[in-house]
Amino acid sequence: MINSARPDGALLAGVCSGIARTFNWNVWALRALFLVFLLVKTFWAVLVYAVLALIFHLFEGQIQNRTQSGQGLTSPELSARNERISDLEKRFRELEGQD
């Protein structure tokens, strides 16, 4: 049975949002790159998108489990950056609460 529901953040089949979520990339930058690829090489862009949509659909559960369990692409630099960002967000919330 085919699941017709779109993944979170998907505009069409969720290829760009799935890739962006997996690799922690900006989804709109990826969509812009795909649009350029679509304008330059239309046939190949549609073919690649269809293949990736099929791959994401077939391995949907495994990809979601990998990204949710924290086994995605990580590095000490990214972890440190994420900690600094969450610390700054916490400080901003505290400052907003003081007003």
PDB file of N, CA and C in Angstrom:
ATOM      1  N   MET A   1       0.827  -1.176   0.000  1.00  0.00           N
ATOM      2  CA  MET A   1       0.000   0.000   0.000  1.00  0.00           C
ATOM      3  C   MET A   1       0.872   1.241   0.000  1.00  0.00           C
ATOM      4  N   ILE A   2       0.544   2.207  -0.819  1.00  0.00           N
ATOM      5  CA  ILE A   2       1.334   3.416  -0.950  1.00  0.00           C
ATOM      6  C   ILE A   2       0.832   4.458   0.038  1.00  0.00           C
ATOM      7  N   ASN A   3       1.776   5.025   0.771  1.00  0.00           N
ATOM      8  CA  ASN A   3       1.461   6.081   1.725  1.00  0.00           C
ATOM      9  C   ASN A   3       1.485   7.410   0.984  1.00  0.00           C
ATOM     10  N   SER A   4       0.352   8.074   0.874  1.00  0.00           N
ATOM     11  CA  SER A   4       0.279   9.308   0.107  1.00  0.00           C
ATOM     12  C   SER A   4       0.558  10.549   0.953  1.00  0.00           C
ATOM     13  N   ALA A   5       0.765  10.397   2.238  1.00  0.00           N
ATOM     14  CA  ALA A   5       1.042  11.544   3.102  1.00  0.00           C
ATOM     15  C   ALA A   5       2.455  12.048   2.852  1.00  0.00           C
ATOM     16  N   ARG A   6       2.593  13.374   2.822  1.00  0.00           N
ATOM     17  CA  ARG A   6       3.907  13.965   2.605  1.00  0.00           C
ATOM     18  C   ARG A   6       4.654  14.069   3.922  1.00  0.00           C
ATOM     19  N   PRO A   7       5.982  13.924   3.876  1.00  0.00           N
ATOM     20  CA  PRO A   7       6.784  14.092   5.098  1.00  0.00           C
ATOM     21  C   PRO A   7       6.719  15.534   5.588  1.00  0.00           C
ATOM     22  N   ASP A   8       7.139  15.744   6.826  1.00  0.00           N
ATOM     23  CA  ASP A   8       7.150  17.091   7.404  1.00  0.00           C
ATOM     24  C   ASP A   8       8.052  18.007   6.592  1.00  0.00           C
ATOM     25  N   GLY A   9       7.556  19.185   6.274  1.00  0.00           N
ATOM     26  CA  GLY A   9       8.347  20.169   5.551  1.00  0.00           C
ATOM     27  C   GLY A   9       8.437  19.939   4.065  1.00  0.00           C
ATOM     28  N   ALA A  10       7.700  18.972   3.543  1.00  0.00           N
ATOM     29  CA  ALA A  10       7.790  18.632   2.130  1.00  0.00           C
ATOM     30  C   ALA A  10       6.902  19.531   1.293  1.00  0.00           C
ATOM     31  N   LEU A  11       7.397  19.914   0.130  1.00  0.00           N
ATOM     32  CA  LEU A  11       6.580  20.647  -0.822  1.00  0.00           C
ATOM     33  C   LEU A  11       6.012  19.697  -1.873  1.00  0.00           C
ATOM     34  N   LEU A  12       6.838  18.797  -2.372  1.00  0.00           N
ATOM     35  CA  LEU A  12       6.375  17.792  -3.335  1.00  0.00           C
ATOM     36  C   LEU A  12       6.469  16.411  -2.706  1.00  0.00           C
ATOM     37  N   ALA A  13       7.596  15.755  -2.907  1.00  0.00           N
ATOM     38  CA  ALA A  13       7.776  14.410  -2.375  1.00  0.00           C
ATOM     39  C   ALA A  13       8.662  14.387  -1.136  1.00  0.00           C
ATOM     40  N   GLY A  14       9.197  15.534  -0.745  1.00  0.00           N
ATOM     41  CA  GLY A  14      10.012  15.601   0.457  1.00  0.00           C
ATOM     42  C   GLY A  14      11.471  15.273   0.256  1.00  0.00           C
ATOM     43  N   VAL A  15      11.942  15.286  -0.990  1.00  0.00           N
ATOM     44  CA  VAL A  15      13.339  14.943  -1.249  1.00  0.00           C
ATOM     45  C   VAL A  15      14.268  15.997  -0.659  1.00  0.00           C
ATOM     46  N   CYS A  16      14.045  17.254  -0.985  1.00  0.00           N
ATOM     47  CA  CYS A  16      14.925  18.319  -0.485  1.00  0.00           C
ATOM     48  C   CYS A  16      14.849  18.434   1.037  1.00  0.00           C
ATOM     49  N   SER A  17      13.639  18.345   1.589  1.00  0.00           N
ATOM     50  CA  SER A  17      13.520  18.445   3.043  1.00  0.00           C
ATOM     51  C   SER A  17      14.148  17.228   3.724  1.00  0.00           C
ATOM     52  N   GLY A  18      14.042  16.061   3.111  1.00  0.00           N
ATOM     53  CA  GLY A  18      14.660  14.862   3.680  1.00  0.00           C
ATOM     54  C   GLY A  18      16.171  14.939   3.665  1.00  0.00           C
ATOM     55  N   ILE A  19      16.729  15.404   2.554  1.00  0.00           N
ATOM     56  CA  ILE A  19      18.183  15.551   2.470  1.00  0.00           C
ATOM     57  C   ILE A  19      18.653  16.622   3.451  1.00  0.00           C
ATOM     58  N   ALA A  20      17.939  17.732   3.495  1.00  0.00           N
ATOM     59  CA  ALA A  20      18.322  18.818   4.412  1.00  0.00           C
ATOM     60  C   ALA A  20      18.260  18.364   5.859  1.00  0.00           C
ATOM     61  N   ARG A  21      17.225  17.610   6.220  1.00  0.00           N
ATOM     62  CA  ARG A  21      17.088  17.120   7.593  1.00  0.00           C
ATOM     63  C   ARG A  21      18.189  16.110   7.920  1.00  0.00           C
ATOM     64  N   THR A  22      18.522  15.252   6.965  1.00  0.00           N
ATOM     65  CA  THR A  22      19.538  14.227   7.202  1.00  0.00           C
ATOM     66  C   THR A  22      20.915  14.829   7.410  1.00  0.00           C
ATOM     67  N   PHE A  23      21.260  15.836   6.597  1.00  0.00           N
ATOM     68  CA  PHE A  23      22.600  16.407   6.647  1.00  0.00           C
ATOM     69  C   PHE A  23      22.670  17.752   7.369  1.00  0.00           C
ATOM     70  N   ASN A  24      21.558  18.185   7.990  1.00  0.00           N
ATOM     71  CA  ASN A  24      21.495  19.477   8.690  1.00  0.00           C
ATOM     72  C   ASN A  24      21.852  20.637   7.766  1.00  0.00           C
ATOM     73  N   TRP A  25      21.287  20.628   6.560  1.00  0.00           N
ATOM     74  CA  TRP A  25      21.484  21.706   5.597  1.00  0.00           C
ATOM     75  C   TRP A  25      20.256  22.593   5.594  1.00  0.00           C
ATOM     76  N   ASN A  26      20.400  23.766   5.010  1.00  0.00           N
ATOM     77  CA  ASN A  26      19.286  24.681   4.836  1.00  0.00           C
ATOM     78  C   ASN A  26      18.414  24.171   3.689  1.00  0.00           C
ATOM     79  N   VAL A  27      17.150  23.903   3.964  1.00  0.00           N
ATOM     80  CA  VAL A  27      16.267  23.309   2.971  1.00  0.00           C
ATOM     81  C   VAL A  27      16.013  24.265   1.803  1.00  0.00           C
ATOM     82  N   TRP A  28      15.930  25.562   2.064  1.00  0.00           N
ATOM     83  CA  TRP A  28      15.656  26.505   0.979  1.00  0.00           C
ATOM     84  C   TRP A  28      16.863  26.677   0.071  1.00  0.00           C
ATOM     85  N   ALA A  29      18.061  26.608   0.610  1.00  0.00           N
ATOM     86  CA  ALA A  29      19.255  26.660  -0.235  1.00  0.00           C
ATOM     87  C   ALA A  29      19.315  25.420  -1.132  1.00  0.00           C
ATOM     88  N   LEU A  30      18.972  24.283  -0.567  1.00  0.00           N
ATOM     89  CA  LEU A  30      18.959  23.044  -1.344  1.00  0.00           C
ATOM     90  C   LEU A  30      17.893  23.096  -2.442  1.00  0.00           C
ATOM     91  N   ARG A  31      16.730  23.647  -2.118  1.00  0.00           N
ATOM     92  CA  ARG A  31      15.672  23.787  -3.124  1.00  0.00           C
ATOM     93  C   ARG A  31      16.097  24.746  -4.232  1.00  0.00           C
ATOM     94  N   ALA A  32      16.813  25.816  -3.879  1.00  0.00           N
ATOM     95  CA  ALA A  32      17.307  26.758  -4.892  1.00  0.00           C
ATOM     96  C   ALA A  32      18.315  26.076  -5.814  1.00  0.00           C
ATOM     97  N   LEU A  33      19.214  25.271  -5.238  1.00  0.00           N
ATOM     98  CA  LEU A  33      20.169  24.524  -6.060  1.00  0.00           C
ATOM     99  C   LEU A  33      19.456  23.544  -6.986  1.00  0.00           C
ATOM    100  N   PHE A  34      18.432  22.886  -6.475  1.00  0.00           N
ATOM    101  CA  PHE A  34      17.679  21.965  -7.308  1.00  0.00           C
ATOM    102  C   PHE A  34      16.974  22.717  -8.432  1.00  0.00           C
ATOM    103  N   LEU A  35      16.458  23.898  -8.146  1.00  0.00           N
ATOM    104  CA  LEU A  35      15.788  24.689  -9.166  1.00  0.00           C
ATOM    105  C   LEU A  35      16.755  25.073 -10.282  1.00  0.00           C
ATOM    106  N   VAL A  36      17.975  25.463  -9.923  1.00  0.00           N
ATOM    107  CA  VAL A  36      18.993  25.763 -10.935  1.00  0.00           C
ATOM    108  C   VAL A  36      19.287  24.512 -11.751  1.00  0.00           C
ATOM    109  N   PHE A  37      19.449  23.379 -11.074  1.00  0.00           N
ATOM    110  CA  PHE A  37      19.695  22.105 -11.759  1.00  0.00           C
ATOM    111  C   PHE A  37      18.532  21.776 -12.686  1.00  0.00           C
ATOM    112  N   LEU A  38      17.319  22.051 -12.248  1.00  0.00           N
ATOM    113  CA  LEU A  38      16.128  21.799 -13.052  1.00  0.00           C
ATOM    114  C   LEU A  38      16.108  22.666 -14.307  1.00  0.00           C
ATOM    115  N   LEU A  39      16.517  23.912 -14.187  1.00  0.00           N
ATOM    116  CA  LEU A  39      16.544  24.804 -15.342  1.00  0.00           C
ATOM    117  C   LEU A  39      17.652  24.460 -16.328  1.00  0.00           C
ATOM    118  N   VAL A  40      18.775  23.969 -15.822  1.00  0.00           N
ATOM    119  CA  VAL A  40      19.919  23.657 -16.685  1.00  0.00           C
ATOM    120  C   VAL A  40      19.774  22.273 -17.315  1.00  0.00           C
ATOM    121  N   LYS A  41      19.454  21.294 -16.550  1.00  0.00           N
ATOM    122  CA  LYS A  41      19.361  19.901 -17.021  1.00  0.00           C
ATOM    123  C   LYS A  41      18.019  19.319 -16.606  1.00  0.00           C
ATOM    124  N   THR A  42      16.965  19.683 -17.284  1.00  0.00           N
ATOM    125  CA  THR A  42      15.609  19.327 -16.886  1.00  0.00           C
ATOM    126  C   THR A  42      15.403  17.827 -16.773  1.00  0.00           C
ATOM    127  N   PHE A  43      15.769  17.071 -17.798  1.00  0.00           N
ATOM    128  CA  PHE A  43      15.538  15.627 -17.788  1.00  0.00           C
ATOM    129  C   PHE A  43      16.263  14.972 -16.622  1.00  0.00           C
ATOM    130  N   TRP A  44      17.547  15.303 -16.444  1.00  0.00           N
ATOM    131  CA  TRP A  44      18.328  14.677 -15.385  1.00  0.00           C
ATOM    132  C   TRP A  44      17.835  15.093 -14.003  1.00  0.00           C
ATOM    133  N   ALA A  45      17.413  16.333 -13.869  1.00  0.00           N
ATOM    134  CA  ALA A  45      16.891  16.794 -12.581  1.00  0.00           C
ATOM    135  C   ALA A  45      15.631  16.035 -12.196  1.00  0.00           C
ATOM    136  N   VAL A  46      14.726  15.859 -13.168  1.00  0.00           N
ATOM    137  CA  VAL A  46      13.490  15.122 -12.890  1.00  0.00           C
ATOM    138  C   VAL A  46      13.806  13.665 -12.581  1.00  0.00           C
ATOM    139  N   LEU A  47      14.739  13.082 -13.322  1.00  0.00           N
ATOM    140  CA  LEU A  47      15.122  11.684 -13.085  1.00  0.00           C
ATOM    141  C   LEU A  47      15.750  11.507 -11.700  1.00  0.00           C
ATOM    142  N   VAL A  48      16.676  12.379 -11.349  1.00  0.00           N
ATOM    143  CA  VAL A  48      17.332  12.294 -10.039  1.00  0.00           C
ATOM    144  C   VAL A  48      16.313  12.494  -8.921  1.00  0.00           C
ATOM    145  N   TYR A  49      15.421  13.466  -9.088  1.00  0.00           N
ATOM    146  CA  TYR A  49      14.399  13.719  -8.074  1.00  0.00           C
ATOM    147  C   TYR A  49      13.499  12.496  -7.896  1.00  0.00           C
ATOM    148  N   ALA A  50      13.094  11.870  -8.999  1.00  0.00           N
ATOM    149  CA  ALA A  50      12.225  10.691  -8.920  1.00  0.00           C
ATOM    150  C   ALA A  50      12.930   9.536  -8.219  1.00  0.00           C
ATOM    151  N   VAL A  51      14.199   9.318  -8.545  1.00  0.00           N
ATOM    152  CA  VAL A  51      14.957   8.239  -7.898  1.00  0.00           C
ATOM    153  C   VAL A  51      15.119   8.513  -6.411  1.00  0.00           C
ATOM    154  N   LEU A  52      15.455   9.751  -6.062  1.00  0.00           N
ATOM    155  CA  LEU A  52      15.611  10.093  -4.642  1.00  0.00           C
ATOM    156  C   LEU A  52      14.281   9.999  -3.899  1.00  0.00           C
ATOM    157  N   ALA A  53      13.190  10.387  -4.554  1.00  0.00           N
ATOM    158  CA  ALA A  53      11.879  10.258  -3.918  1.00  0.00           C
ATOM    159  C   ALA A  53      11.561   8.793  -3.646  1.00  0.00           C
ATOM    160  N   LEU A  54      11.881   7.931  -4.582  1.00  0.00           N
ATOM    161  CA  LEU A  54      11.663   6.495  -4.398  1.00  0.00           C
ATOM    162  C   LEU A  54      12.532   5.961  -3.267  1.00  0.00           C
ATOM    163  N   ILE A  55      13.787   6.367  -3.235  1.00  0.00           N
ATOM    164  CA  ILE A  55      14.703   5.905  -2.174  1.00  0.00           C
ATOM    165  C   ILE A  55      14.211   6.380  -0.813  1.00  0.00           C
ATOM    166  N   PHE A  56      13.827   7.660  -0.716  1.00  0.00           N
ATOM    167  CA  PHE A  56      13.333   8.169   0.564  1.00  0.00           C
ATOM    168  C   PHE A  56      12.052   7.464   0.980  1.00  0.00           C
ATOM    169  N   HIS A  57      11.206   7.145   0.018  1.00  0.00           N
ATOM    170  CA  HIS A  57       9.959   6.452   0.344  1.00  0.00           C
ATOM    171  C   HIS A  57      10.228   5.023   0.825  1.00  0.00           C
ATOM    172  N   LEU A  58      11.159   4.330   0.172  1.00  0.00           N
ATOM    173  CA  LEU A  58      11.460   2.947   0.549  1.00  0.00           C
ATOM    174  C   LEU A  58      12.166   2.850   1.892  1.00  0.00           C
ATOM    175  N   PHE A  59      13.052   3.792   2.173  1.00  0.00           N
ATOM    176  CA  PHE A  59      13.847   3.736   3.407  1.00  0.00           C
ATOM    177  C   PHE A  59      13.413   4.791   4.413  1.00  0.00           C
ATOM    178  N   GLU A  60      12.164   5.209   4.343  1.00  0.00           N
ATOM    179  CA  GLU A  60      11.648   6.287   5.187  1.00  0.00           C
ATOM    180  C   GLU A  60      11.838   6.010   6.678  1.00  0.00           C
ATOM    181  N   GLY A  61      11.504   4.835   7.140  1.00  0.00           N
ATOM    182  CA  GLY A  61      11.614   4.495   8.559  1.00  0.00           C
ATOM    183  C   GLY A  61      13.046   4.490   9.045  1.00  0.00           C
ATOM    184  N   GLN A  62      13.958   3.951   8.241  1.00  0.00           N
ATOM    185  CA  GLN A  62      15.357   3.885   8.642  1.00  0.00           C
ATOM    186  C   GLN A  62      15.982   5.271   8.709  1.00  0.00           C
ATOM    187  N   ILE A  63      15.642   6.145   7.763  1.00  0.00           N
ATOM    188  CA  ILE A  63      16.198   7.492   7.760  1.00  0.00           C
ATOM    189  C   ILE A  63      15.682   8.280   8.951  1.00  0.00           C
ATOM    190  N   GLN A  64      14.398   8.173   9.262  1.00  0.00           N
ATOM    191  CA  GLN A  64      13.839   8.885  10.412  1.00  0.00           C
ATOM    192  C   GLN A  64      14.448   8.383  11.708  1.00  0.00           C
ATOM    193  N   ASN A  65      14.630   7.074  11.851  1.00  0.00           N
ATOM    194  CA  ASN A  65      15.226   6.533  13.071  1.00  0.00           C
ATOM    195  C   ASN A  65      16.655   7.005  13.232  1.00  0.00           C
ATOM    196  N   ARG A  66      17.391   7.093  12.134  1.00  0.00           N
ATOM    197  CA  ARG A  66      18.786   7.514  12.196  1.00  0.00           C
ATOM    198  C   ARG A  66      18.897   8.965  12.640  1.00  0.00           C
ATOM    199  N   THR A  67      18.057   9.836  12.088  1.00  0.00           N
ATOM    200  CA  THR A  67      18.148  11.247  12.450  1.00  0.00           C
ATOM    201  C   THR A  67      17.593  11.504  13.840  1.00  0.00           C
ATOM    202  N   GLN A  68      16.588  10.758  14.276  1.00  0.00           N
ATOM    203  CA  GLN A  68      16.011  10.969  15.598  1.00  0.00           C
ATOM    204  C   GLN A  68      16.890  10.408  16.698  1.00  0.00           C
ATOM    205  N   SER A  69      17.654   9.367  16.405  1.00  0.00           N
ATOM    206  CA  SER A  69      18.489   8.768  17.441  1.00  0.00           C
ATOM    207  C   SER A  69      19.833   9.470  17.585  1.00  0.00           C
ATOM    208  N   GLY A  70      20.067  10.508  16.771  1.00  0.00           N
ATOM    209  CA  GLY A  70      21.310  11.253  16.895  1.00  0.00           C
ATOM    210  C   GLY A  70      22.468  10.618  16.175  1.00  0.00           C
ATOM    211  N   GLN A  71      22.233   9.682  15.281  1.00  0.00           N
ATOM    212  CA  GLN A  71      23.313   9.036  14.558  1.00  0.00           C
ATOM    213  C   GLN A  71      23.590   9.717  13.228  1.00  0.00           C
ATOM    214  N   GLY A  72      23.042  10.889  13.015  1.00  0.00           N
ATOM    215  CA  GLY A  72      23.286  11.626  11.785  1.00  0.00           C
ATOM    216  C   GLY A  72      24.729  12.099  11.743  1.00  0.00           C
ATOM    217  N   LEU A  73      25.024  12.973  10.821  1.00  0.00           N
ATOM    218  CA  LEU A  73      26.361  13.503  10.721  1.00  0.00           C
ATOM    219  C   LEU A  73      26.616  14.444  11.888  1.00  0.00           C
ATOM    220  N   THR A  74      27.541  14.081  12.727  1.00  0.00           N
ATOM    221  CA  THR A  74      27.888  14.922  13.871  1.00  0.00           C
ATOM    222  C   THR A  74      29.397  15.035  13.953  1.00  0.00           C
ATOM    223  N   SER A  75      29.846  16.084  14.556  1.00  0.00           N
ATOM    224  CA  SER A  75      31.266  16.287  14.799  1.00  0.00           C
ATOM    225  C   SER A  75      31.395  17.086  16.088  1.00  0.00           C
ATOM    226  N   PRO A  76      32.567  17.074  16.674  1.00  0.00           N
ATOM    227  CA  PRO A  76      32.751  17.859  17.898  1.00  0.00           C
ATOM    228  C   PRO A  76      32.478  19.351  17.672  1.00  0.00           C
ATOM    229  N   GLU A  77      32.847  19.860  16.483  1.00  0.00           N
ATOM    230  CA  GLU A  77      32.618  21.275  16.185  1.00  0.00           C
ATOM    231  C   GLU A  77      31.128  21.580  16.130  1.00  0.00           C
ATOM    232  N   LEU A  78      30.351  20.698  15.478  1.00  0.00           N
ATOM    233  CA  LEU A  78      28.910  20.913  15.393  1.00  0.00           C
ATOM    234  C   LEU A  78      28.258  20.792  16.759  1.00  0.00           C
ATOM    235  N   SER A  79      28.706  19.855  17.553  1.00  0.00           N
ATOM    236  CA  SER A  79      28.149  19.702  18.894  1.00  0.00           C
ATOM    237  C   SER A  79      28.424  20.938  19.741  1.00  0.00           C
ATOM    238  N   ALA A  80      29.644  21.443  19.666  1.00  0.00           N
ATOM    239  CA  ALA A  80      29.998  22.642  20.427  1.00  0.00           C
ATOM    240  C   ALA A  80      29.186  23.839  19.939  1.00  0.00           C
ATOM    241  N   ARG A  81      29.011  23.953  18.621  1.00  0.00           N
ATOM    242  CA  ARG A  81      28.219  25.054  18.059  1.00  0.00           C
ATOM    243  C   ARG A  81      26.775  24.972  18.509  1.00  0.00           C
ATOM    244  N   ASN A  82      26.209  23.772  18.485  1.00  0.00           N
ATOM    245  CA  ASN A  82      24.829  23.589  18.919  1.00  0.00           C
ATOM    246  C   ASN A  82      24.657  23.909  20.395  1.00  0.00           C
ATOM    247  N   GLU A  83      25.640  23.570  21.204  1.00  0.00           N
ATOM    248  CA  GLU A  83      25.572  23.900  22.630  1.00  0.00           C
ATOM    249  C   GLU A  83      25.615  25.414  22.839  1.00  0.00           C
ATOM    250  N   ARG A  84      26.494  26.107  22.092  1.00  0.00           N
ATOM    251  CA  ARG A  84      26.577  27.568  22.210  1.00  0.00           C
ATOM    252  C   ARG A  84      25.278  28.222  21.776  1.00  0.00           C
ATOM    253  N   ILE A  85      24.693  27.711  20.692  1.00  0.00           N
ATOM    254  CA  ILE A  85      23.431  28.278  20.211  1.00  0.00           C
ATOM    255  C   ILE A  85      22.322  28.074  21.228  1.00  0.00           C
ATOM    256  N   SER A  86      22.223  26.876  21.791  1.00  0.00           N
ATOM    257  CA  SER A  86      21.168  26.641  22.788  1.00  0.00           C
ATOM    258  C   SER A  86      21.405  27.482  24.036  1.00  0.00           C
ATOM    259  N   ASP A  87      22.671  27.697  24.412  1.00  0.00           N
ATOM    260  CA  ASP A  87      22.971  28.561  25.555  1.00  0.00           C
ATOM    261  C   ASP A  87      22.558  30.000  25.263  1.00  0.00           C
ATOM    262  N   LEU A  88      22.836  30.490  24.058  1.00  0.00           N
ATOM    263  CA  LEU A  88      22.431  31.848  23.691  1.00  0.00           C
ATOM    264  C   LEU A  88      20.911  31.977  23.655  1.00  0.00           C
ATOM    265  N   GLU A  89      20.224  30.967  23.131  1.00  0.00           N
ATOM    266  CA  GLU A  89      18.758  31.011  23.112  1.00  0.00           C
ATOM    267  C   GLU A  89      18.196  31.071  24.527  1.00  0.00           C
ATOM    268  N   LYS A  90      18.801  30.303  25.439  1.00  0.00           N
ATOM    269  CA  LYS A  90      18.349  30.322  26.834  1.00  0.00           C
ATOM    270  C   LYS A  90      18.577  31.697  27.455  1.00  0.00           C
ATOM    271  N   ARG A  91      19.712  32.318  27.163  1.00  0.00           N
ATOM    272  CA  ARG A  91      19.994  33.653  27.690  1.00  0.00           C
ATOM    273  C   ARG A  91      19.012  34.681  27.143  1.00  0.00           C
ATOM    274  N   PHE A  92      18.708  34.597  25.845  1.00  0.00           N
ATOM    275  CA  PHE A  92      17.741  35.534  25.254  1.00  0.00           C
ATOM    276  C   PHE A  92      16.363  35.375  25.879  1.00  0.00           C
ATOM    277  N   ARG A  93      15.946  34.137  26.126  1.00  0.00           N
ATOM    278  CA  ARG A  93      14.643  33.919  26.773  1.00  0.00           C
ATOM    279  C   ARG A  93      14.642  34.509  28.174  1.00  0.00           C
ATOM    280  N   GLU A  94      15.748  34.378  28.902  1.00  0.00           N
ATOM    281  CA  GLU A  94      15.852  34.937  30.238  1.00  0.00           C
ATOM    282  C   GLU A  94      15.778  36.469  30.190  1.00  0.00           C
ATOM    283  N   LEU A  95      16.463  37.071  29.199  1.00  0.00           N
ATOM    284  CA  LEU A  95      16.436  38.524  29.058  1.00  0.00           C
ATOM    285  C   LEU A  95      15.044  39.014  28.685  1.00  0.00           C
ATOM    286  N   GLU A  96      14.345  38.287  27.828  1.00  0.00           N
ATOM    287  CA  GLU A  96      12.993  38.674  27.459  1.00  0.00           C
ATOM    288  C   GLU A  96      12.043  38.580  28.653  1.00  0.00           C
ATOM    289  N   GLY A  97      12.284  37.639  29.540  1.00  0.00           N
ATOM    290  CA  GLY A  97      11.445  37.468  30.708  1.00  0.00           C
ATOM    291  C   GLY A  97      11.652  38.542  31.760  1.00  0.00           C
ATOM    292  N   GLN A  98      12.782  39.252  31.734  1.00  0.00           N
ATOM    293  CA  GLN A  98      13.068  40.287  32.723  1.00  0.00           C
ATOM    294  C   GLN A  98      12.292  41.569  32.478  1.00  0.00           C
ATOM    295  N   ASP A  99      11.797  41.795  31.278  1.00  0.00           N
ATOM    296  CA  ASP A  99      11.088  43.046  30.955  1.00  0.00           C
ATOM    297  C   ASP A  99       9.804  43.179  31.659  1.00  0.00           C
TER     298      ASP A  99
END
